[in-house]
Every structure is written in C-alpha cells, then in structure tokens.
Amino acid sequence: MVSKAIARFARISPRKARMIVNLVRGRHAGEALQLLEFTQKAGAPVLKKVLESAVANAKTTKPGVDLDSLFVETAFVDKAPNKHMRRWRPRAMGRATRIQKGLSHITIILGAKE
C-alpha cells in the first residue's frame, strides 16, 4: 500500500457507486483517471476526485514514488448510515414512511508495481 483516500458520506447509493468502482479496480492510476473522465455515470466525478486525492497522498507521503507505477490495488464501497438525511413521505390513513436516500463510503488504496 502506497496511499489511501476515503470519501465518507458521499451522496450516491452504494449500488451505483460499485458499478463505477468495478471499472477501475486493478488498473493503472492514469488509465483509471482517464476512464473516469469519459464515463457517463453520475458517480464518476465523485470517484475521480477520490482517486486524485489518493494520487496526491502518494506524492506527499512518499516523494520518490514513480507515479506511472501506481495502480488501484483495492477499491470498495460501503453503505453509510442514513442518519443525516431524514425525509418523510405521507402515506394512506395518516401514516408516514421514511424516504431512503443512499449514502456511501468510498475507499481507494493505491499500490506500486515494482
């Protein structure tokens, strides 16, 4: 592990974010950034920002690391608690139900190929 970046409480559902994370897992960092640049999914800019943060973390923690050797070693998405987004929808007979809004924790870990 060279560097790590985490986006907590990202306002995208985990299912949608996992589709995009599966595209970049195992790729070189430059190739993954270019792929995210042209992906027509709503979560691609969020994931691109996390990947750019991981590359910047690699530059600061290990200044001698070769940026061309960086690759996405591990990438995963977890469901975040929906504590902050409390929304209610009126239902029949005076009842109310909660509206589920998806929140995610996105983690990207970069490694270096020797």
PDB file of N, CA and C in Angstrom:
ATOM      1  N   MET A   1       0.842  -1.180   0.000  1.00  0.00           N
ATOM      2  CA  MET A   1       0.000   0.000   0.000  1.00  0.00           C
ATOM      3  C   MET A   1       0.886   1.242   0.000  1.00  0.00           C
ATOM      4  N   VAL A   2       0.665   2.095  -0.976  1.00  0.00           N
ATOM      5  CA  VAL A   2       1.403   3.343  -1.064  1.00  0.00           C
ATOM      6  C   VAL A   2       0.581   4.478  -0.468  1.00  0.00           C
ATOM      7  N   SER A   3      -0.679   4.572  -0.864  1.00  0.00           N
ATOM      8  CA  SER A   3      -1.525   5.640  -0.344  1.00  0.00           C
ATOM      9  C   SER A   3      -2.977   5.184  -0.310  1.00  0.00           C
ATOM     10  N   LYS A   4      -3.788   5.982   0.392  1.00  0.00           N
ATOM     11  CA  LYS A   4      -5.191   5.635   0.602  1.00  0.00           C
ATOM     12  C   LYS A   4      -6.008   6.919   0.640  1.00  0.00           C
ATOM     13  N   ALA A   5      -7.218   6.868   0.106  1.00  0.00           N
ATOM     14  CA  ALA A   5      -8.134   8.003   0.163  1.00  0.00           C
ATOM     15  C   ALA A   5      -9.543   7.479   0.414  1.00  0.00           C
ATOM     16  N   ILE A   6     -10.282   8.175   1.268  1.00  0.00           N
ATOM     17  CA  ILE A   6     -11.638   7.768   1.632  1.00  0.00           C
ATOM     18  C   ILE A   6     -12.571   8.962   1.472  1.00  0.00           C
ATOM     19  N   ALA A   7     -13.688   8.732   0.824  1.00  0.00           N
ATOM     20  CA  ALA A   7     -14.763   9.727   0.758  1.00  0.00           C
ATOM     21  C   ALA A   7     -15.898   9.199   1.619  1.00  0.00           C
ATOM     22  N   ARG A   8     -16.177   9.898   2.694  1.00  0.00           N
ATOM     23  CA  ARG A   8     -17.235   9.449   3.598  1.00  0.00           C
ATOM     24  C   ARG A   8     -18.515  10.229   3.325  1.00  0.00           C
ATOM     25  N   PHE A   9     -19.637   9.555   3.471  1.00  0.00           N
ATOM     26  CA  PHE A   9     -20.971  10.130   3.289  1.00  0.00           C
ATOM     27  C   PHE A   9     -21.127  10.762   1.906  1.00  0.00           C
ATOM     28  N   ALA A  10     -20.631  10.085   0.885  1.00  0.00           N
ATOM     29  CA  ALA A  10     -20.826  10.547  -0.492  1.00  0.00           C
ATOM     30  C   ALA A  10     -22.286  10.345  -0.865  1.00  0.00           C
ATOM     31  N   ARG A  11     -22.885  11.324  -1.506  1.00  0.00           N
ATOM     32  CA  ARG A  11     -24.321  11.307  -1.781  1.00  0.00           C
ATOM     33  C   ARG A  11     -24.618  10.536  -3.062  1.00  0.00           C
ATOM     34  N   ILE A  12     -24.295   9.239  -3.040  1.00  0.00           N
ATOM     35  CA  ILE A  12     -24.600   8.325  -4.133  1.00  0.00           C
ATOM     36  C   ILE A  12     -24.894   6.974  -3.508  1.00  0.00           C
ATOM     37  N   SER A  13     -25.829   6.254  -4.075  1.00  0.00           N
ATOM     38  CA  SER A  13     -26.173   4.962  -3.490  1.00  0.00           C
ATOM     39  C   SER A  13     -25.026   3.974  -3.723  1.00  0.00           C
ATOM     40  N   PRO A  14     -24.814   3.048  -2.786  1.00  0.00           N
ATOM     41  CA  PRO A  14     -23.696   2.112  -2.918  1.00  0.00           C
ATOM     42  C   PRO A  14     -23.766   1.253  -4.177  1.00  0.00           C
ATOM     43  N   ARG A  15     -24.968   0.893  -4.589  1.00  0.00           N
ATOM     44  CA  ARG A  15     -25.113   0.042  -5.771  1.00  0.00           C
ATOM     45  C   ARG A  15     -24.613   0.753  -7.019  1.00  0.00           C
ATOM     46  N   LYS A  16     -24.926   2.036  -7.143  1.00  0.00           N
ATOM     47  CA  LYS A  16     -24.480   2.803  -8.309  1.00  0.00           C
ATOM     48  C   LYS A  16     -22.976   3.063  -8.253  1.00  0.00           C
ATOM     49  N   ALA A  17     -22.453   3.295  -7.055  1.00  0.00           N
ATOM     50  CA  ALA A  17     -21.019   3.567  -6.922  1.00  0.00           C
ATOM     51  C   ALA A  17     -20.195   2.311  -7.192  1.00  0.00           C
ATOM     52  N   ARG A  18     -20.712   1.142  -6.813  1.00  0.00           N
ATOM     53  CA  ARG A  18     -19.975  -0.109  -7.034  1.00  0.00           C
ATOM     54  C   ARG A  18     -19.805  -0.416  -8.515  1.00  0.00           C
ATOM     55  N   MET A  19     -20.770  -0.014  -9.333  1.00  0.00           N
ATOM     56  CA  MET A  19     -20.636  -0.228 -10.786  1.00  0.00           C
ATOM     57  C   MET A  19     -19.419   0.504 -11.327  1.00  0.00           C
ATOM     58  N   ILE A  20     -19.182   1.703 -10.838  1.00  0.00           N
ATOM     59  CA  ILE A  20     -18.068   2.514 -11.330  1.00  0.00           C
ATOM     60  C   ILE A  20     -16.750   2.033 -10.727  1.00  0.00           C
ATOM     61  N   VAL A  21     -16.784   1.624  -9.452  1.00  0.00           N
ATOM     62  CA  VAL A  21     -15.569   1.136  -8.793  1.00  0.00           C
ATOM     63  C   VAL A  21     -15.070  -0.132  -9.476  1.00  0.00           C
ATOM     64  N   ASN A  22     -15.990  -0.967  -9.944  1.00  0.00           N
ATOM     65  CA  ASN A  22     -15.592  -2.199 -10.631  1.00  0.00           C
ATOM     66  C   ASN A  22     -14.865  -1.915 -11.940  1.00  0.00           C
ATOM     67  N   LEU A  23     -15.104  -0.756 -12.538  1.00  0.00           N
ATOM     68  CA  LEU A  23     -14.414  -0.398 -13.777  1.00  0.00           C
ATOM     69  C   LEU A  23     -12.937  -0.097 -13.550  1.00  0.00           C
ATOM     70  N   VAL A  24     -12.591   0.509 -12.405  1.00  0.00           N
ATOM     71  CA  VAL A  24     -11.223   0.997 -12.206  1.00  0.00           C
ATOM     72  C   VAL A  24     -10.365   0.065 -11.350  1.00  0.00           C
ATOM     73  N   ARG A  25     -10.948  -0.904 -10.704  1.00  0.00           N
ATOM     74  CA  ARG A  25     -10.175  -1.783  -9.818  1.00  0.00           C
ATOM     75  C   ARG A  25      -9.131  -2.562 -10.624  1.00  0.00           C
ATOM     76  N   GLY A  26      -7.876  -2.491 -10.185  1.00  0.00           N
ATOM     77  CA  GLY A  26      -6.787  -3.214 -10.833  1.00  0.00           C
ATOM     78  C   GLY A  26      -6.101  -2.470 -11.965  1.00  0.00           C
ATOM     79  N   ARG A  27      -6.586  -1.310 -12.346  1.00  0.00           N
ATOM     80  CA  ARG A  27      -5.982  -0.554 -13.446  1.00  0.00           C
ATOM     81  C   ARG A  27      -4.897   0.397 -12.939  1.00  0.00           C
ATOM     82  N   HIS A  28      -4.064   0.865 -13.870  1.00  0.00           N
ATOM     83  CA  HIS A  28      -3.088   1.891 -13.537  1.00  0.00           C
ATOM     84  C   HIS A  28      -3.826   3.181 -13.194  1.00  0.00           C
ATOM     85  N   ALA A  29      -3.233   4.006 -12.341  1.00  0.00           N
ATOM     86  CA  ALA A  29      -3.910   5.210 -11.856  1.00  0.00           C
ATOM     87  C   ALA A  29      -4.214   6.189 -12.993  1.00  0.00           C
ATOM     88  N   GLY A  30      -3.276   6.385 -13.901  1.00  0.00           N
ATOM     89  CA  GLY A  30      -3.508   7.292 -15.023  1.00  0.00           C
ATOM     90  C   GLY A  30      -4.603   6.791 -15.947  1.00  0.00           C
ATOM     91  N   GLU A  31      -4.598   5.502 -16.195  1.00  0.00           N
ATOM     92  CA  GLU A  31      -5.626   4.905 -17.049  1.00  0.00           C
ATOM     93  C   GLU A  31      -7.008   5.004 -16.389  1.00  0.00           C
ATOM     94  N   ALA A  32      -7.049   4.793 -15.069  1.00  0.00           N
ATOM     95  CA  ALA A  32      -8.315   4.874 -14.335  1.00  0.00           C
ATOM     96  C   ALA A  32      -8.856   6.302 -14.334  1.00  0.00           C
ATOM     97  N   LEU A  33      -7.977   7.294 -14.176  1.00  0.00           N
ATOM     98  CA  LEU A  33      -8.417   8.689 -14.219  1.00  0.00           C
ATOM     99  C   LEU A  33      -8.979   9.056 -15.587  1.00  0.00           C
ATOM    100  N   GLN A  34      -8.334   8.572 -16.630  1.00  0.00           N
ATOM    101  CA  GLN A  34      -8.809   8.858 -17.976  1.00  0.00           C
ATOM    102  C   GLN A  34     -10.153   8.164 -18.236  1.00  0.00           C
ATOM    103  N   LEU A  35     -10.311   6.957 -17.729  1.00  0.00           N
ATOM    104  CA  LEU A  35     -11.569   6.231 -17.882  1.00  0.00           C
ATOM    105  C   LEU A  35     -12.709   6.942 -17.158  1.00  0.00           C
ATOM    106  N   LEU A  36     -12.423   7.447 -15.961  1.00  0.00           N
ATOM    107  CA  LEU A  36     -13.453   8.152 -15.196  1.00  0.00           C
ATOM    108  C   LEU A  36     -13.809   9.498 -15.819  1.00  0.00           C
ATOM    109  N   GLU A  37     -12.856  10.090 -16.513  1.00  0.00           N
ATOM    110  CA  GLU A  37     -13.105  11.372 -17.163  1.00  0.00           C
ATOM    111  C   GLU A  37     -14.217  11.265 -18.209  1.00  0.00           C
ATOM    112  N   PHE A  38     -14.258  10.121 -18.910  1.00  0.00           N
ATOM    113  CA  PHE A  38     -15.196   9.969 -20.013  1.00  0.00           C
ATOM    114  C   PHE A  38     -16.323   8.985 -19.720  1.00  0.00           C
ATOM    115  N   THR A  39     -16.490   8.593 -18.479  1.00  0.00           N
ATOM    116  CA  THR A  39     -17.593   7.711 -18.110  1.00  0.00           C
ATOM    117  C   THR A  39     -18.847   8.544 -17.897  1.00  0.00           C
ATOM    118  N   GLN A  40     -19.942   8.125 -18.512  1.00  0.00           N
ATOM    119  CA  GLN A  40     -21.191   8.873 -18.461  1.00  0.00           C
ATOM    120  C   GLN A  40     -22.076   8.398 -17.305  1.00  0.00           C
ATOM    121  N   LYS A  41     -21.530   8.310 -16.118  1.00  0.00           N
ATOM    122  CA  LYS A  41     -22.295   7.937 -14.929  1.00  0.00           C
ATOM    123  C   LYS A  41     -22.218   9.071 -13.921  1.00  0.00           C
ATOM    124  N   ALA A  42     -23.266   9.195 -13.101  1.00  0.00           N
ATOM    125  CA  ALA A  42     -23.333  10.311 -12.158  1.00  0.00           C
ATOM    126  C   ALA A  42     -22.265  10.221 -11.082  1.00  0.00           C
ATOM    127  N   GLY A  43     -21.828   9.022 -10.729  1.00  0.00           N
ATOM    128  CA  GLY A  43     -20.848   8.861  -9.669  1.00  0.00           C
ATOM    129  C   GLY A  43     -19.406   8.957 -10.135  1.00  0.00           C
ATOM    130  N   ALA A  44     -19.174   9.059 -11.415  1.00  0.00           N
ATOM    131  CA  ALA A  44     -17.807   9.108 -11.935  1.00  0.00           C
ATOM    132  C   ALA A  44     -17.020  10.325 -11.431  1.00  0.00           C
ATOM    133  N   PRO A  45     -17.611  11.536 -11.375  1.00  0.00           N
ATOM    134  CA  PRO A  45     -16.842  12.662 -10.832  1.00  0.00           C
ATOM    135  C   PRO A  45     -16.485  12.491  -9.357  1.00  0.00           C
ATOM    136  N   VAL A  46     -17.358  11.867  -8.588  1.00  0.00           N
ATOM    137  CA  VAL A  46     -17.079  11.628  -7.167  1.00  0.00           C
ATOM    138  C   VAL A  46     -15.903  10.670  -7.024  1.00  0.00           C
ATOM    139  N   LEU A  47     -15.926   9.595  -7.788  1.00  0.00           N
ATOM    140  CA  LEU A  47     -14.854   8.605  -7.722  1.00  0.00           C
ATOM    141  C   LEU A  47     -13.542   9.162  -8.270  1.00  0.00           C
ATOM    142  N   LYS A  48     -13.629  10.017  -9.294  1.00  0.00           N
ATOM    143  CA  LYS A  48     -12.427  10.634  -9.854  1.00  0.00           C
ATOM    144  C   LYS A  48     -11.748  11.524  -8.819  1.00  0.00           C
ATOM    145  N   LYS A  49     -12.545  12.232  -8.047  1.00  0.00           N
ATOM    146  CA  LYS A  49     -11.996  13.106  -7.010  1.00  0.00           C
ATOM    147  C   LYS A  49     -11.281  12.291  -5.928  1.00  0.00           C
ATOM    148  N   VAL A  50     -11.848  11.146  -5.565  1.00  0.00           N
ATOM    149  CA  VAL A  50     -11.219  10.283  -4.563  1.00  0.00           C
ATOM    150  C   VAL A  50      -9.912   9.712  -5.095  1.00  0.00           C
ATOM    151  N   LEU A  51      -9.901   9.311  -6.367  1.00  0.00           N
ATOM    152  CA  LEU A  51      -8.685   8.765  -6.969  1.00  0.00           C
ATOM    153  C   LEU A  51      -7.596   9.829  -7.084  1.00  0.00           C
ATOM    154  N   GLU A  52      -7.976  11.045  -7.444  1.00  0.00           N
ATOM    155  CA  GLU A  52      -6.994  12.139  -7.500  1.00  0.00           C
ATOM    156  C   GLU A  52      -6.430  12.429  -6.118  1.00  0.00           C
ATOM    157  N   SER A  53      -7.256  12.311  -5.094  1.00  0.00           N
ATOM    158  CA  SER A  53      -6.791  12.507  -3.726  1.00  0.00           C
ATOM    159  C   SER A  53      -5.801  11.423  -3.316  1.00  0.00           C
ATOM    160  N   ALA A  54      -6.063  10.197  -3.736  1.00  0.00           N
ATOM    161  CA  ALA A  54      -5.143   9.100  -3.421  1.00  0.00           C
ATOM    162  C   ALA A  54      -3.791   9.296  -4.114  1.00  0.00           C
ATOM    163  N   VAL A  55      -3.812   9.795  -5.341  1.00  0.00           N
ATOM    164  CA  VAL A  55      -2.553  10.071  -6.055  1.00  0.00           C
ATOM    165  C   VAL A  55      -1.800  11.204  -5.371  1.00  0.00           C
ATOM    166  N   ALA A  56      -2.522  12.247  -4.934  1.00  0.00           N
ATOM    167  CA  ALA A  56      -1.880  13.354  -4.222  1.00  0.00           C
ATOM    168  C   ALA A  56      -1.309  12.886  -2.887  1.00  0.00           C
ATOM    169  N   ASN A  57      -2.013  11.978  -2.206  1.00  0.00           N
ATOM    170  CA  ASN A  57      -1.491  11.422  -0.958  1.00  0.00           C
ATOM    171  C   ASN A  57      -0.223  10.625  -1.200  1.00  0.00           C
ATOM    172  N   ALA A  58      -0.151   9.920  -2.330  1.00  0.00           N
ATOM    173  CA  ALA A  58       1.063   9.163  -2.659  1.00  0.00           C
ATOM    174  C   ALA A  58       2.242  10.092  -2.895  1.00  0.00           C
ATOM    175  N   LYS A  59       1.982  11.249  -3.523  1.00  0.00           N
ATOM    176  CA  LYS A  59       3.052  12.220  -3.776  1.00  0.00           C
ATOM    177  C   LYS A  59       3.601  12.786  -2.472  1.00  0.00           C
ATOM    178  N   THR A  60       2.728  13.066  -1.509  1.00  0.00           N
ATOM    179  CA  THR A  60       3.176  13.707  -0.274  1.00  0.00           C
ATOM    180  C   THR A  60       3.790  12.721   0.708  1.00  0.00           C
ATOM    181  N   THR A  61       3.251  11.509   0.796  1.00  0.00           N
ATOM    182  CA  THR A  61       3.787  10.567   1.782  1.00  0.00           C
ATOM    183  C   THR A  61       5.100   9.951   1.335  1.00  0.00           C
ATOM    184  N   LYS A  62       5.213   9.627   0.041  1.00  0.00           N
ATOM    185  CA  LYS A  62       6.460   9.057  -0.491  1.00  0.00           C
ATOM    186  C   LYS A  62       6.868   9.876  -1.712  1.00  0.00           C
ATOM    187  N   PRO A  63       7.694  10.911  -1.514  1.00  0.00           N
ATOM    188  CA  PRO A  63       8.039  11.800  -2.633  1.00  0.00           C
ATOM    189  C   PRO A  63       8.782  11.107  -3.776  1.00  0.00           C
ATOM    190  N   GLY A  64       9.467  10.016  -3.511  1.00  0.00           N
ATOM    191  CA  GLY A  64      10.240   9.348  -4.556  1.00  0.00           C
ATOM    192  C   GLY A  64       9.467   8.314  -5.347  1.00  0.00           C
ATOM    193  N   VAL A  65       8.166   8.196  -5.112  1.00  0.00           N
ATOM    194  CA  VAL A  65       7.396   7.154  -5.788  1.00  0.00           C
ATOM    195  C   VAL A  65       7.177   7.534  -7.258  1.00  0.00           C
ATOM    196  N   ASP A  66       7.262   6.535  -8.131  1.00  0.00           N
ATOM    197  CA  ASP A  66       7.034   6.747  -9.556  1.00  0.00           C
ATOM    198  C   ASP A  66       5.535   6.730  -9.805  1.00  0.00           C
ATOM    199  N   LEU A  67       4.992   7.846 -10.303  1.00  0.00           N
ATOM    200  CA  LEU A  67       3.551   7.963 -10.500  1.00  0.00           C
ATOM    201  C   LEU A  67       3.037   7.051 -11.608  1.00  0.00           C
ATOM    202  N   ASP A  68       3.916   6.658 -12.535  1.00  0.00           N
ATOM    203  CA  ASP A  68       3.488   5.756 -13.604  1.00  0.00           C
ATOM    204  C   ASP A  68       3.328   4.317 -13.106  1.00  0.00           C
ATOM    205  N   SER A  69       3.935   4.003 -11.960  1.00  0.00           N
ATOM    206  CA  SER A  69       3.835   2.638 -11.440  1.00  0.00           C
ATOM    207  C   SER A  69       2.649   2.449 -10.497  1.00  0.00           C
ATOM    208  N   LEU A  70       1.919   3.527 -10.204  1.00  0.00           N
ATOM    209  CA  LEU A  70       0.780   3.418  -9.293  1.00  0.00           C
ATOM    210  C   LEU A  70      -0.394   2.724  -9.969  1.00  0.00           C
ATOM    211  N   PHE A  71      -1.047   1.844  -9.233  1.00  0.00           N
ATOM    212  CA  PHE A  71      -2.253   1.194  -9.739  1.00  0.00           C
ATOM    213  C   PHE A  71      -3.261   1.068  -8.606  1.00  0.00           C
ATOM    214  N   VAL A  72      -4.513   0.873  -8.960  1.00  0.00           N
ATOM    215  CA  VAL A  72      -5.585   0.761  -7.975  1.00  0.00           C
ATOM    216  C   VAL A  72      -5.532  -0.658  -7.411  1.00  0.00           C
ATOM    217  N   GLU A  73      -4.951  -0.765  -6.223  1.00  0.00           N
ATOM    218  CA  GLU A  73      -4.774  -2.075  -5.594  1.00  0.00           C
ATOM    219  C   GLU A  73      -6.095  -2.593  -5.028  1.00  0.00           C
ATOM    220  N   THR A  74      -6.792  -1.738  -4.293  1.00  0.00           N
ATOM    221  CA  THR A  74      -8.068  -2.097  -3.688  1.00  0.00           C
ATOM    222  C   THR A  74      -9.019  -0.913  -3.821  1.00  0.00           C
ATOM    223  N   ALA A  75     -10.256  -1.214  -4.148  1.00  0.00           N
ATOM    224  CA  ALA A  75     -11.293  -0.173  -4.209  1.00  0.00           C
ATOM    225  C   ALA A  75     -12.609  -0.823  -3.804  1.00  0.00           C
ATOM    226  N   PHE A  76     -13.289  -0.202  -2.849  1.00  0.00           N
ATOM    227  CA  PHE A  76     -14.563  -0.756  -2.423  1.00  0.00           C
ATOM    228  C   PHE A  76     -15.485   0.347  -1.937  1.00  0.00           C
ATOM    229  N   VAL A  77     -16.769   0.011  -1.883  1.00  0.00           N
ATOM    230  CA  VAL A  77     -17.817   0.944  -1.472  1.00  0.00           C
ATOM    231  C   VAL A  77     -18.631   0.287  -0.368  1.00  0.00           C
ATOM    232  N   ASP A  78     -18.822   1.003   0.730  1.00  0.00           N
ATOM    233  CA  ASP A  78     -19.647   0.529   1.837  1.00  0.00           C
ATOM    234  C   ASP A  78     -20.844   1.451   1.987  1.00  0.00           C
ATOM    235  N   LYS A  79     -21.903   0.908   2.554  1.00  0.00           N
ATOM    236  CA  LYS A  79     -23.100   1.711   2.808  1.00  0.00           C
ATOM    237  C   LYS A  79     -22.865   2.579   4.034  1.00  0.00           C
ATOM    238  N   ALA A  80     -23.194   3.852   3.917  1.00  0.00           N
ATOM    239  CA  ALA A  80     -23.047   4.781   5.034  1.00  0.00           C
ATOM    240  C   ALA A  80     -24.367   4.863   5.793  1.00  0.00           C
ATOM    241  N   PRO A  81     -24.318   5.187   7.068  1.00  0.00           N
ATOM    242  CA  PRO A  81     -25.574   5.336   7.807  1.00  0.00           C
ATOM    243  C   PRO A  81     -26.382   6.519   7.284  1.00  0.00           C
ATOM    244  N   ASN A  82     -27.675   6.341   7.270  1.00  0.00           N
ATOM    245  CA  ASN A  82     -28.574   7.335   6.698  1.00  0.00           C
ATOM    246  C   ASN A  82     -29.121   8.250   7.784  1.00  0.00           C
ATOM    247  N   LYS A  83     -28.314   8.535   8.777  1.00  0.00           N
ATOM    248  CA  LYS A  83     -28.755   9.276   9.942  1.00  0.00           C
ATOM    249  C   LYS A  83     -29.057  10.743   9.638  1.00  0.00           C
ATOM    250  N   HIS A  84     -28.289  11.328   8.726  1.00  0.00           N
ATOM    251  CA  HIS A  84     -28.387  12.762   8.500  1.00  0.00           C
ATOM    252  C   HIS A  84     -29.493  13.142   7.530  1.00  0.00           C
ATOM    253  N   MET A  85     -29.911  12.210   6.692  1.00  0.00           N
ATOM    254  CA  MET A  85     -30.916  12.513   5.678  1.00  0.00           C
ATOM    255  C   MET A  85     -32.254  11.929   6.114  1.00  0.00           C
ATOM    256  N   ARG A  86     -32.969  12.626   6.946  1.00  0.00           N
ATOM    257  CA  ARG A  86     -34.276  12.155   7.412  1.00  0.00           C
ATOM    258  C   ARG A  86     -35.356  12.831   6.585  1.00  0.00           C
ATOM    259  N   ARG A  87     -36.035  12.047   5.778  1.00  0.00           N
ATOM    260  CA  ARG A  87     -37.118  12.567   4.944  1.00  0.00           C
ATOM    261  C   ARG A  87     -38.338  11.686   5.150  1.00  0.00           C
ATOM    262  N   TRP A  88     -39.518  12.275   5.085  1.00  0.00           N
ATOM    263  CA  TRP A  88     -40.758  11.537   5.318  1.00  0.00           C
ATOM    264  C   TRP A  88     -41.706  11.759   4.155  1.00  0.00           C
ATOM    265  N   ARG A  89     -42.446  10.715   3.815  1.00  0.00           N
ATOM    266  CA  ARG A  89     -43.433  10.777   2.746  1.00  0.00           C
ATOM    267  C   ARG A  89     -44.800  10.418   3.329  1.00  0.00           C
ATOM    268  N   PRO A  90     -45.803  11.245   3.094  1.00  0.00           N
ATOM    269  CA  PRO A  90     -47.137  10.907   3.607  1.00  0.00           C
ATOM    270  C   PRO A  90     -47.702   9.686   2.898  1.00  0.00           C
ATOM    271  N   ARG A  91     -48.373   8.835   3.660  1.00  0.00           N
ATOM    272  CA  ARG A  91     -48.974   7.614   3.124  1.00  0.00           C
ATOM    273  C   ARG A  91     -50.457   7.580   3.468  1.00  0.00           C
ATOM    274  N   ALA A  92     -51.076   6.481   3.153  1.00  0.00           N
ATOM    275  CA  ALA A  92     -52.515   6.351   3.358  1.00  0.00           C
ATOM    276  C   ALA A  92     -52.861   6.322   4.848  1.00  0.00           C
ATOM    277  N   MET A  93     -54.050   6.745   5.181  1.00  0.00           N
ATOM    278  CA  MET A  93     -54.616   6.712   6.531  1.00  0.00           C
ATOM    279  C   MET A  93     -53.771   7.487   7.540  1.00  0.00           C
ATOM    280  N   GLY A  94     -53.161   8.591   7.103  1.00  0.00           N
ATOM    281  CA  GLY A  94     -52.434   9.456   8.017  1.00  0.00           C
ATOM    282  C   GLY A  94     -51.075   8.948   8.449  1.00  0.00           C
ATOM    283  N   ARG A  95     -50.589   7.910   7.831  1.00  0.00           N
ATOM    284  CA  ARG A  95     -49.270   7.375   8.205  1.00  0.00           C
ATOM    285  C   ARG A  95     -48.168   8.080   7.421  1.00  0.00           C
ATOM    286  N   ALA A  96     -46.948   7.820   7.826  1.00  0.00           N
ATOM    287  CA  ALA A  96     -45.790   8.367   7.113  1.00  0.00           C
ATOM    288  C   ALA A  96     -44.707   7.307   7.065  1.00  0.00           C
ATOM    289  N   THR A  97     -43.977   7.268   5.961  1.00  0.00           N
ATOM    290  CA  THR A  97     -42.849   6.344   5.839  1.00  0.00           C
ATOM    291  C   THR A  97     -41.605   7.138   5.492  1.00  0.00           C
ATOM    292  N   ARG A  98     -40.443   6.570   5.834  1.00  0.00           N
ATOM    293  CA  ARG A  98     -39.172   7.234   5.550  1.00  0.00           C
ATOM    294  C   ARG A  98     -38.787   7.072   4.100  1.00  0.00           C
ATOM    295  N   ILE A  99     -38.173   8.089   3.550  1.00  0.00           N
ATOM    296  CA  ILE A  99     -37.613   8.015   2.209  1.00  0.00           C
ATOM    297  C   ILE A  99     -36.150   7.629   2.364  1.00  0.00           C
ATOM    298  N   GLN A 100     -35.745   6.568   1.701  1.00  0.00           N
ATOM    299  CA  GLN A 100     -34.372   6.095   1.798  1.00  0.00           C
ATOM    300  C   GLN A 100     -33.501   6.840   0.790  1.00  0.00           C
ATOM    301  N   LYS A 101     -32.493   7.529   1.277  1.00  0.00           N
ATOM    302  CA  LYS A 101     -31.529   8.213   0.429  1.00  0.00           C
ATOM    303  C   LYS A 101     -30.201   7.481   0.575  1.00  0.00           C
ATOM    304  N   GLY A 102     -29.586   7.141  -0.541  1.00  0.00           N
ATOM    305  CA  GLY A 102     -28.358   6.374  -0.487  1.00  0.00           C
ATOM    306  C   GLY A 102     -27.147   7.231  -0.148  1.00  0.00           C
ATOM    307  N   LEU A 103     -26.341   6.772   0.803  1.00  0.00           N
ATOM    308  CA  LEU A 103     -25.068   7.403   1.155  1.00  0.00           C
ATOM    309  C   LEU A 103     -24.000   6.318   1.149  1.00  0.00           C
ATOM    310  N   SER A 104     -22.782   6.670   0.770  1.00  0.00           N
ATOM    311  CA  SER A 104     -21.719   5.682   0.613  1.00  0.00           C
ATOM    312  C   SER A 104     -20.416   6.158   1.231  1.00  0.00           C
ATOM    313  N   HIS A 105     -19.612   5.193   1.648  1.00  0.00           N
ATOM    314  CA  HIS A 105     -18.212   5.415   1.993  1.00  0.00           C
ATOM    315  C   HIS A 105     -17.396   4.773   0.872  1.00  0.00           C
ATOM    316  N   ILE A 106     -16.611   5.579   0.153  1.00  0.00           N
ATOM    317  CA  ILE A 106     -15.805   5.084  -0.968  1.00  0.00           C
ATOM    318  C   ILE A 106     -14.344   5.086  -0.551  1.00  0.00           C
ATOM    319  N   THR A 107     -13.670   3.935  -0.690  1.00  0.00           N
ATOM    320  CA  THR A 107     -12.265   3.795  -0.303  1.00  0.00           C
ATOM    321  C   THR A 107     -11.452   3.323  -1.500  1.00  0.00           C
ATOM    322  N   ILE A 108     -10.318   3.995  -1.740  1.00  0.00           N
ATOM    323  CA  ILE A 108      -9.391   3.592  -2.810  1.00  0.00           C
ATOM    324  C   ILE A 108      -7.997   3.501  -2.198  1.00  0.00           C
ATOM    325  N   ILE A 109      -7.348   2.363  -2.432  1.00  0.00           N
ATOM    326  CA  ILE A 109      -5.977   2.139  -1.969  1.00  0.00           C
ATOM    327  C   ILE A 109      -5.095   1.913  -3.199  1.00  0.00           C
ATOM    328  N   LEU A 110      -4.037   2.705  -3.296  1.00  0.00           N
ATOM    329  CA  LEU A 110      -3.107   2.591  -4.418  1.00  0.00           C
ATOM    330  C   LEU A 110      -1.870   1.794  -4.009  1.00  0.00           C
ATOM    331  N   GLY A 111      -1.373   1.004  -4.919  1.00  0.00           N
ATOM    332  CA  GLY A 111      -0.131   0.268  -4.728  1.00  0.00           C
ATOM    333  C   GLY A 111       0.833   0.628  -5.840  1.00  0.00           C
ATOM    334  N   ALA A 112       2.075   0.183  -5.699  1.00  0.00           N
ATOM    335  CA  ALA A 112       3.087   0.449  -6.722  1.00  0.00           C
ATOM    336  C   ALA A 112       3.611  -0.867  -7.255  1.00  0.00           C
ATOM    337  N   LYS A 113       3.660  -0.975  -8.583  1.00  0.00           N
ATOM    338  CA  LYS A 113       4.225  -2.169  -9.212  1.00  0.00           C
ATOM    339  C   LYS A 113       5.728  -1.994  -9.284  1.00  0.00           C
ATOM    340  N   GLU A 114       6.412  -2.982  -8.817  1.00  0.00           N
ATOM    341  CA  GLU A 114       7.878  -2.912  -8.761  1.00  0.00           C
ATOM    342  C   GLU A 114       8.485  -3.291 -10.084  1.00  0.00           C
TER     343      GLU A 114
END
